[in-house]
Amino acid sequence: MSAGTDLGGLRRINELAILAAVRAGADTLTEVVRETGLARASVGEVTRDLVASGWLSEAAPVVRGRGRPAVRYEYRAGAGVLIGADIGAFNLRVAISDLTGRRLTQSNRFTTPEVPARQRLKILDAAINDCLRDTGRERSDIWGVVAGSTGRVGGGRVLLSAAIPDWTGVDLAGHLRRSLPDALVAVDNDSRLAALAEQQLGGTGASLARQASRGTPSAKAAGRPESLVLLQAGRRTGLGLVVNGRPHAGFGGVAGDLSRFPALKWEGAMEYLQQSGVAPASGATSDPVADTLNAAIEGSPAALAAVRRYIRMLANTAGAVVSILDPEVLVLGGSLAAYGDLLLPLLASELELLCLRMPRLEASTLGADCAVLGALCAAAELVDDALIGSGPGPLPTHTRPLVST
Protein backbone atom coordinates (compact mmCIF):
# COMPACT_ATOMS: atom_id res chain seq x y z
CA MET A 1 0.00 0.00 0.00
CA SER A 2 1.47 3.35 -1.01
CA ALA A 3 1.96 6.35 1.25
CA GLY A 4 -0.57 8.25 -0.87
CA THR A 5 -3.17 5.58 -0.23
CA ASP A 6 -2.46 5.69 3.50
CA LEU A 7 -2.82 9.46 3.57
CA GLY A 8 -6.02 9.28 1.51
CA GLY A 9 -7.51 6.75 3.90
CA LEU A 10 -6.54 8.83 6.93
CA ARG A 11 -8.03 11.89 5.31
CA ARG A 12 -11.30 10.06 4.74
CA ILE A 13 -11.40 8.89 8.37
CA ASN A 14 -10.92 12.47 9.56
CA GLU A 15 -13.60 13.74 7.17
CA LEU A 16 -16.12 11.18 8.40
CA ALA A 17 -15.33 11.97 12.03
CA ILE A 18 -15.80 15.70 11.48
CA LEU A 19 -18.93 15.20 9.40
CA ALA A 20 -20.37 12.96 12.12
CA ALA A 21 -19.61 15.55 14.80
CA VAL A 22 -21.29 18.35 12.85
CA ARG A 23 -24.34 16.23 12.11
CA ALA A 24 -24.54 15.40 15.82
CA GLY A 25 -24.68 19.09 16.71
CA ALA A 26 -21.10 20.35 17.04
CA ASP A 27 -21.14 23.58 15.05
CA THR A 28 -17.85 25.39 15.80
CA LEU A 29 -14.23 24.36 15.35
CA THR A 30 -13.80 24.26 19.11
CA GLU A 31 -16.74 21.89 19.53
CA VAL A 32 -15.63 19.68 16.64
CA VAL A 33 -12.11 19.46 18.09
CA ARG A 34 -13.58 18.45 21.45
CA GLU A 35 -15.87 15.82 19.90
CA THR A 36 -13.33 14.27 17.53
CA GLY A 37 -10.10 14.61 19.49
CA LEU A 38 -8.34 15.81 16.32
CA ALA A 39 -5.84 18.64 16.20
CA ARG A 40 -7.37 22.06 15.68
CA ALA A 41 -5.24 22.71 12.59
CA SER A 42 -6.39 19.44 11.00
CA VAL A 43 -10.02 20.17 11.84
CA GLY A 44 -9.76 23.63 10.30
CA GLU A 45 -8.22 22.32 7.09
CA VAL A 46 -10.63 19.42 6.66
CA THR A 47 -13.65 21.56 7.50
CA ARG A 48 -12.70 24.11 4.84
CA ASP A 49 -12.41 21.31 2.29
CA LEU A 50 -15.82 19.90 3.32
CA VAL A 51 -17.33 23.34 2.75
CA ALA A 52 -15.65 23.55 -0.66
CA SER A 53 -16.95 20.11 -1.67
CA GLY A 54 -20.50 20.96 -0.59
CA TRP A 55 -20.85 18.73 2.48
CA LEU A 56 -20.91 21.59 4.96
CA SER A 57 -21.94 25.23 4.81
CA GLU A 58 -20.91 28.19 6.92
CA ALA A 59 -23.74 29.58 9.05
CA ALA A 60 -24.00 33.04 10.53
CA PRO A 61 -21.48 33.40 13.36
CA VAL A 62 -22.70 33.63 16.94
CA VAL A 63 -21.21 36.11 19.38
CA ARG A 64 -20.25 34.31 22.58
CA GLY A 65 -18.59 36.72 24.96
CA ARG A 66 -15.74 38.95 23.88
CA GLY A 67 -13.58 38.47 20.86
CA ARG A 68 -14.18 37.47 17.30
CA PRO A 69 -17.46 35.57 16.74
CA ALA A 70 -16.98 31.86 16.08
CA VAL A 71 -17.81 30.64 12.59
CA ARG A 72 -20.50 27.96 12.70
CA TYR A 73 -20.83 24.99 10.37
CA GLU A 74 -23.89 23.02 9.30
CA TYR A 75 -24.42 19.87 7.29
CA ARG A 76 -26.10 20.79 3.99
CA ALA A 77 -29.19 18.78 4.82
CA GLY A 78 -31.35 20.86 2.51
CA ALA A 79 -29.35 20.09 -0.63
CA GLY A 80 -31.93 17.42 -1.43
CA VAL A 81 -34.92 15.67 0.09
CA LEU A 82 -35.94 12.11 0.91
CA ILE A 83 -39.27 10.35 0.56
CA GLY A 84 -40.54 7.64 2.88
CA ALA A 85 -43.79 5.73 2.27
CA ASP A 86 -45.83 3.23 4.26
CA ILE A 87 -48.41 1.36 2.17
CA GLY A 88 -50.96 -0.64 4.14
CA ALA A 89 -54.42 -2.02 3.52
CA PHE A 90 -56.26 0.82 5.25
CA ASN A 91 -53.74 3.66 5.28
CA LEU A 92 -51.12 5.07 2.96
CA ARG A 93 -48.61 7.48 4.50
CA VAL A 94 -45.93 9.47 2.70
CA ALA A 95 -43.42 11.76 4.40
CA ILE A 96 -40.69 14.02 3.08
CA SER A 97 -37.51 14.87 4.95
CA ASP A 98 -34.20 16.62 4.53
CA LEU A 99 -31.07 14.53 3.99
CA THR A 100 -30.69 13.83 7.72
CA GLY A 101 -34.14 12.24 7.80
CA ARG A 102 -35.73 15.17 9.66
CA ARG A 103 -39.40 15.00 8.67
CA LEU A 104 -40.68 18.17 7.03
CA THR A 105 -44.28 17.23 6.22
CA GLN A 106 -46.48 14.21 5.70
CA SER A 107 -49.53 13.22 3.68
CA ASN A 108 -51.93 10.55 4.98
CA ARG A 109 -54.53 8.86 2.78
CA PHE A 110 -57.23 6.41 3.87
CA THR A 111 -57.71 3.35 1.67
CA THR A 112 -59.39 -0.05 1.83
CA PRO A 113 -58.08 -3.51 0.97
CA GLU A 114 -60.36 -3.54 -2.09
CA VAL A 115 -58.65 -0.57 -3.80
CA PRO A 116 -57.12 -1.88 -7.07
CA ALA A 117 -53.33 -1.88 -7.31
CA ARG A 118 -53.29 0.66 -10.12
CA GLN A 119 -55.42 3.07 -8.08
CA ARG A 120 -53.28 2.50 -4.98
CA LEU A 121 -50.18 3.49 -6.97
CA LYS A 122 -51.95 6.65 -8.13
CA ILE A 123 -52.74 7.47 -4.49
CA LEU A 124 -49.05 6.98 -3.69
CA ASP A 125 -48.05 9.38 -6.47
CA ALA A 126 -50.60 11.96 -5.32
CA ALA A 127 -49.33 11.77 -1.72
CA ILE A 128 -45.75 12.34 -2.93
CA ASN A 129 -46.95 15.36 -4.88
CA ASP A 130 -48.70 16.67 -1.76
CA CYS A 131 -45.45 16.54 0.19
CA LEU A 132 -43.47 18.23 -2.57
CA ARG A 133 -46.05 20.99 -2.84
CA ASP A 134 -46.13 21.54 0.93
CA THR A 135 -42.35 21.95 1.07
CA GLY A 136 -41.91 23.86 -2.17
CA ARG A 137 -39.59 21.22 -3.59
CA GLU A 138 -39.48 19.62 -7.04
CA ARG A 139 -39.23 15.99 -8.08
CA SER A 140 -35.67 16.75 -9.20
CA ASP A 141 -34.83 17.52 -5.55
CA ILE A 142 -35.57 13.94 -4.42
CA TRP A 143 -32.34 12.03 -3.79
CA GLY A 144 -33.75 8.86 -2.27
CA VAL A 145 -37.05 7.00 -1.81
CA VAL A 146 -37.85 4.03 0.42
CA ALA A 147 -41.32 2.49 0.42
CA GLY A 148 -42.57 0.04 3.01
CA SER A 149 -45.36 -2.34 2.11
CA THR A 150 -47.44 -4.88 3.92
CA GLY A 151 -46.72 -8.45 2.87
CA ARG A 152 -43.66 -10.33 1.73
CA VAL A 153 -41.32 -8.08 -0.27
CA GLY A 154 -38.29 -9.01 -2.36
CA GLY A 155 -36.40 -7.59 -5.32
CA GLY A 156 -38.48 -4.41 -5.17
CA ARG A 157 -41.71 -6.39 -5.68
CA VAL A 158 -44.59 -7.39 -3.44
CA LEU A 159 -44.21 -11.16 -3.60
CA LEU A 160 -47.22 -12.00 -1.45
CA SER A 161 -49.86 -9.87 0.25
CA ALA A 162 -52.64 -11.40 2.32
CA ALA A 163 -53.98 -8.04 3.49
CA ILE A 164 -54.47 -6.50 0.01
CA PRO A 165 -55.96 -8.91 -2.56
CA ASP A 166 -54.76 -7.02 -5.66
CA TRP A 167 -51.26 -6.22 -4.36
CA THR A 168 -49.35 -9.47 -4.88
CA GLY A 169 -46.91 -9.17 -7.79
CA VAL A 170 -46.82 -5.38 -7.91
CA ASP A 171 -43.43 -4.02 -9.02
CA LEU A 172 -43.35 -1.20 -6.50
CA ALA A 173 -39.69 -0.30 -7.06
CA GLY A 174 -40.21 -0.26 -10.82
CA HIS A 175 -43.15 2.12 -10.47
CA LEU A 176 -41.14 4.49 -8.28
CA ARG A 177 -38.14 4.40 -10.63
CA ARG A 178 -40.36 5.30 -13.57
CA SER A 179 -41.98 8.08 -11.58
CA LEU A 180 -38.72 9.36 -10.03
CA PRO A 181 -35.95 8.31 -12.43
CA ASP A 182 -33.24 10.42 -10.77
CA ALA A 183 -33.78 9.08 -7.25
CA LEU A 184 -32.32 6.05 -5.50
CA VAL A 185 -35.17 3.62 -4.75
CA ALA A 186 -35.62 0.76 -2.30
CA VAL A 187 -38.62 -1.26 -1.09
CA ASP A 188 -38.95 -3.20 2.16
CA ASN A 189 -41.50 -4.80 4.47
CA ASP A 190 -43.37 -2.30 6.65
CA SER A 191 -42.77 -4.14 9.95
CA ARG A 192 -39.05 -4.31 9.23
CA LEU A 193 -38.94 -0.55 8.62
CA ALA A 194 -40.96 0.02 11.78
CA ALA A 195 -38.36 -2.00 13.71
CA LEU A 196 -35.61 0.18 12.22
CA ALA A 197 -37.44 3.29 13.45
CA GLU A 198 -37.78 1.80 16.92
CA GLN A 199 -34.09 0.92 17.01
CA GLN A 200 -32.93 4.37 15.88
CA LEU A 201 -35.61 6.69 17.27
CA GLY A 202 -37.71 4.89 19.84
CA GLY A 203 -37.66 4.66 23.59
CA THR A 204 -37.54 8.35 24.39
CA GLY A 205 -39.44 9.78 21.43
CA ALA A 206 -36.18 10.96 19.89
CA SER A 207 -36.34 13.34 16.94
CA LEU A 208 -35.69 11.97 13.48
CA ALA A 209 -32.47 13.92 12.93
CA ARG A 210 -29.74 11.36 12.41
CA GLN A 211 -26.72 11.74 14.64
CA ALA A 212 -23.97 10.85 12.28
CA SER A 213 -22.84 9.63 8.91
CA ARG A 214 -23.41 6.02 7.96
CA GLY A 215 -20.48 3.86 8.94
CA THR A 216 -19.23 6.01 11.82
CA PRO A 217 -19.18 4.83 15.44
CA SER A 218 -22.06 7.10 16.52
CA ALA A 219 -24.33 6.22 13.62
CA LYS A 220 -27.26 5.15 15.78
CA ALA A 221 -29.07 7.10 18.45
CA ALA A 222 -27.31 6.94 21.79
CA GLY A 223 -28.61 4.23 24.08
CA ARG A 224 -30.70 2.34 21.55
CA PRO A 225 -30.48 -1.45 21.61
CA GLU A 226 -28.46 -3.64 19.27
CA SER A 227 -31.16 -6.33 19.36
CA LEU A 228 -34.89 -5.67 19.36
CA VAL A 229 -38.20 -7.35 18.59
CA LEU A 230 -41.10 -5.16 17.50
CA LEU A 231 -44.49 -6.72 18.20
CA GLN A 232 -46.96 -4.92 15.93
CA ALA A 233 -50.44 -5.05 17.48
CA GLY A 234 -53.21 -3.34 15.54
CA ARG A 235 -55.61 -4.23 12.77
CA ARG A 236 -53.09 -6.91 11.84
CA THR A 237 -50.27 -8.46 13.81
CA GLY A 238 -46.67 -8.47 12.67
CA LEU A 239 -43.07 -8.81 13.80
CA GLY A 240 -40.01 -6.71 13.07
CA LEU A 241 -36.57 -7.98 14.11
CA VAL A 242 -33.32 -6.10 14.73
CA VAL A 243 -30.13 -8.14 15.13
CA ASN A 244 -26.67 -6.61 15.62
CA GLY A 245 -28.10 -3.15 15.14
CA ARG A 246 -29.68 -3.85 11.74
CA PRO A 247 -33.16 -4.99 10.64
CA HIS A 248 -33.11 -8.74 10.11
CA ALA A 249 -34.77 -10.06 6.95
CA GLY A 250 -33.32 -13.56 6.83
CA PHE A 251 -32.01 -15.42 3.77
CA GLY A 252 -35.22 -15.09 1.76
CA GLY A 253 -36.65 -11.96 3.34
CA VAL A 254 -39.33 -13.70 5.42
CA ALA A 255 -37.82 -13.63 8.92
CA GLY A 256 -40.59 -12.87 11.41
CA ASP A 257 -43.48 -14.02 9.20
CA LEU A 258 -45.42 -16.47 11.37
CA SER A 259 -48.69 -16.30 9.48
CA ARG A 260 -48.58 -20.03 8.61
CA PHE A 261 -48.36 -21.23 12.20
CA PRO A 262 -51.98 -21.43 13.37
CA ALA A 263 -50.95 -23.21 16.56
CA LEU A 264 -49.43 -19.94 17.75
CA LYS A 265 -52.88 -18.27 17.51
CA TRP A 266 -51.07 -15.25 16.13
CA GLU A 267 -53.35 -14.23 13.29
CA GLY A 268 -56.58 -14.69 15.26
CA ALA A 269 -55.61 -12.63 18.30
CA MET A 270 -57.03 -9.31 17.14
CA GLU A 271 -60.09 -10.99 15.64
CA TYR A 272 -60.82 -12.53 19.03
CA LEU A 273 -60.62 -9.13 20.73
CA GLN A 274 -62.93 -7.62 18.11
CA GLN A 275 -65.51 -10.38 18.51
CA SER A 276 -65.25 -11.06 22.23
CA GLY A 277 -68.62 -9.38 22.79
CA VAL A 278 -67.63 -7.68 26.05
CA ALA A 279 -67.37 -4.14 24.68
CA PRO A 280 -70.00 -2.02 26.47
CA ALA A 281 -72.94 -0.93 24.35
CA SER A 282 -72.38 2.60 25.62
CA GLY A 283 -68.72 2.64 24.56
CA ALA A 284 -67.25 6.00 23.62
CA THR A 285 -66.15 4.79 20.18
CA SER A 286 -67.58 2.54 17.49
CA ASP A 287 -64.46 0.37 17.71
CA PRO A 288 -65.07 -2.76 19.82
CA VAL A 289 -61.34 -3.16 20.45
CA ALA A 290 -60.89 0.36 21.81
CA ASP A 291 -64.09 0.11 23.85
CA THR A 292 -62.99 -3.23 25.31
CA LEU A 293 -59.58 -1.85 26.26
CA ASN A 294 -61.11 1.27 27.78
CA ALA A 295 -63.56 -0.85 29.75
CA ALA A 296 -60.67 -2.96 31.05
CA ILE A 297 -58.88 0.18 32.19
CA GLU A 298 -62.05 1.24 34.02
CA GLY A 299 -62.15 -2.10 35.84
CA SER A 300 -64.69 -4.21 33.95
CA PRO A 301 -63.97 -7.86 34.94
CA ALA A 302 -65.30 -9.22 31.64
CA ALA A 303 -63.26 -6.78 29.55
CA LEU A 304 -60.12 -7.41 31.59
CA ALA A 305 -60.56 -11.17 31.17
CA ALA A 306 -60.85 -10.73 27.38
CA VAL A 307 -57.76 -8.54 27.27
CA ARG A 308 -55.83 -11.08 29.33
CA ARG A 309 -56.78 -13.83 26.89
CA TYR A 310 -55.74 -11.63 23.95
CA ILE A 311 -52.36 -10.96 25.58
CA ARG A 312 -51.91 -14.67 26.28
CA MET A 313 -52.39 -15.33 22.56
CA LEU A 314 -49.78 -12.71 21.68
CA ALA A 315 -47.40 -14.02 24.34
CA ASN A 316 -47.33 -17.49 22.78
CA THR A 317 -45.69 -16.01 19.71
CA ALA A 318 -43.71 -13.26 21.40
CA GLY A 319 -42.30 -15.74 23.91
CA ALA A 320 -41.12 -18.10 21.18
CA VAL A 321 -39.40 -15.29 19.27
CA VAL A 322 -37.84 -13.84 22.43
CA SER A 323 -36.55 -17.27 23.42
CA ILE A 324 -34.92 -17.75 20.01
CA LEU A 325 -33.37 -14.28 19.61
CA ASP A 326 -32.90 -13.25 23.26
CA PRO A 327 -33.31 -9.54 22.38
CA GLU A 328 -32.46 -6.65 24.65
CA VAL A 329 -35.86 -5.02 24.10
CA LEU A 330 -39.36 -6.10 23.12
CA VAL A 331 -41.41 -3.17 21.81
CA LEU A 332 -45.19 -3.18 21.67
CA GLY A 333 -46.08 -1.26 18.53
CA GLY A 334 -49.12 -0.62 16.36
CA SER A 335 -52.30 1.10 17.46
CA LEU A 336 -52.40 -0.81 20.76
CA ALA A 337 -49.14 0.78 21.91
CA ALA A 338 -51.27 3.65 23.21
CA TYR A 339 -52.60 1.21 25.82
CA GLY A 340 -49.13 0.26 27.04
CA ASP A 341 -49.90 1.02 30.70
CA LEU A 342 -52.59 -1.66 30.58
CA LEU A 343 -51.01 -4.18 28.25
CA LEU A 344 -47.31 -4.25 29.16
CA PRO A 345 -47.78 -5.53 32.74
CA LEU A 346 -50.11 -8.26 31.44
CA LEU A 347 -47.62 -9.18 28.71
CA ALA A 348 -44.77 -9.24 31.24
CA SER A 349 -46.64 -11.63 33.51
CA GLU A 350 -47.19 -14.04 30.60
CA LEU A 351 -43.65 -13.83 29.24
CA GLU A 352 -42.14 -14.46 32.67
CA LEU A 353 -43.72 -17.92 32.52
CA LEU A 354 -42.22 -18.64 29.09
CA CYS A 355 -38.82 -16.98 28.85
CA LEU A 356 -35.59 -17.83 30.68
CA ARG A 357 -34.55 -14.17 30.45
CA MET A 358 -36.99 -11.29 30.19
CA PRO A 359 -36.21 -8.51 27.73
CA ARG A 360 -36.95 -4.92 28.61
CA LEU A 361 -40.52 -4.11 27.58
CA GLU A 362 -41.42 -0.81 25.94
CA ALA A 363 -44.50 0.66 24.32
CA SER A 364 -43.72 2.44 21.07
CA THR A 365 -43.54 6.22 21.29
CA LEU A 366 -43.70 6.60 17.50
CA GLY A 367 -47.36 5.76 17.02
CA ALA A 368 -48.95 4.95 13.69
CA ASP A 369 -46.13 6.75 11.84
CA CYS A 370 -43.56 4.16 12.90
CA ALA A 371 -43.13 2.52 9.49
CA VAL A 372 -43.02 5.78 7.52
CA LEU A 373 -40.40 7.11 9.94
CA GLY A 374 -38.44 3.91 9.43
CA ALA A 375 -38.68 4.44 5.67
CA LEU A 376 -37.11 7.89 6.10
CA CYS A 377 -34.34 6.38 8.25
CA ALA A 378 -33.70 3.80 5.52
CA ALA A 379 -33.75 6.48 2.81
CA ALA A 380 -31.14 8.51 4.71
CA GLU A 381 -28.96 5.40 4.96
CA LEU A 382 -29.50 4.62 1.29
CA VAL A 383 -28.25 8.05 0.24
CA ASP A 384 -25.40 8.06 2.77
CA ASP A 385 -24.20 4.69 1.49
CA ALA A 386 -24.24 5.94 -2.10
CA LEU A 387 -22.44 9.19 -1.27
CA ILE A 388 -19.92 7.88 1.26
CA GLY A 389 -19.60 4.21 0.44
CA SER A 390 -16.34 2.55 1.39
CA GLY A 391 -14.02 3.84 -1.31
CA PRO A 392 -10.50 5.14 -0.61
CA GLY A 393 -9.47 8.76 -0.51
CA PRO A 394 -11.35 11.94 0.40
CA LEU A 395 -15.11 12.18 0.14
CA PRO A 396 -16.51 13.03 -3.29
CA THR A 397 -18.46 16.19 -3.97
CA HIS A 398 -21.75 16.31 -2.07
CA THR A 399 -24.27 16.09 -4.89
CA ARG A 400 -27.14 13.89 -5.97
CA PRO A 401 -25.91 10.28 -6.13
CA LEU A 402 -25.90 8.78 -9.61
CA VAL A 403 -28.59 6.23 -10.38
CA SER A 404 -27.37 3.27 -12.41
CA THR A 405 -29.48 2.40 -15.43
Foldseek 3Di string as FASTA:
>chain_A
DDPVLVVQQVLAVLLQLLQLQQLQPQWFLVSSCVRRVDDSVSSVVSVVVCCVLQQKHWDDFDDDPDDDTTITIHGPQQQAKEKFWEDEAFKIKIFIGTLQLFTDDMDMDTHHLAPAPVVSVVVVVVRVVVNCVVVVHDLLRYQAYEYAYAAFDDPQARCDHPRRPNRHGDNNQVSVCVVRVFYHYYYAHLQQLLVLLCQAQWDPNRGLRFNGFPPDPRRGDPPGFQWEWEFADEPFTWIWTHHRNHTDQPPRRPPGDPVPPCVLVRGCLVVCQQPVPPQDPPFPDPGSNVSLLVVVVVPDPSSVVSLLVSLLSVLSVVLVVCQVRVTQEYEYAHQCLVSCVSRVVSNVVNSVVRHPDDHHYYYTPPHPCSSSSSRSVVRSNVQSCQQSPPDTGHGHRPDRRGDDD
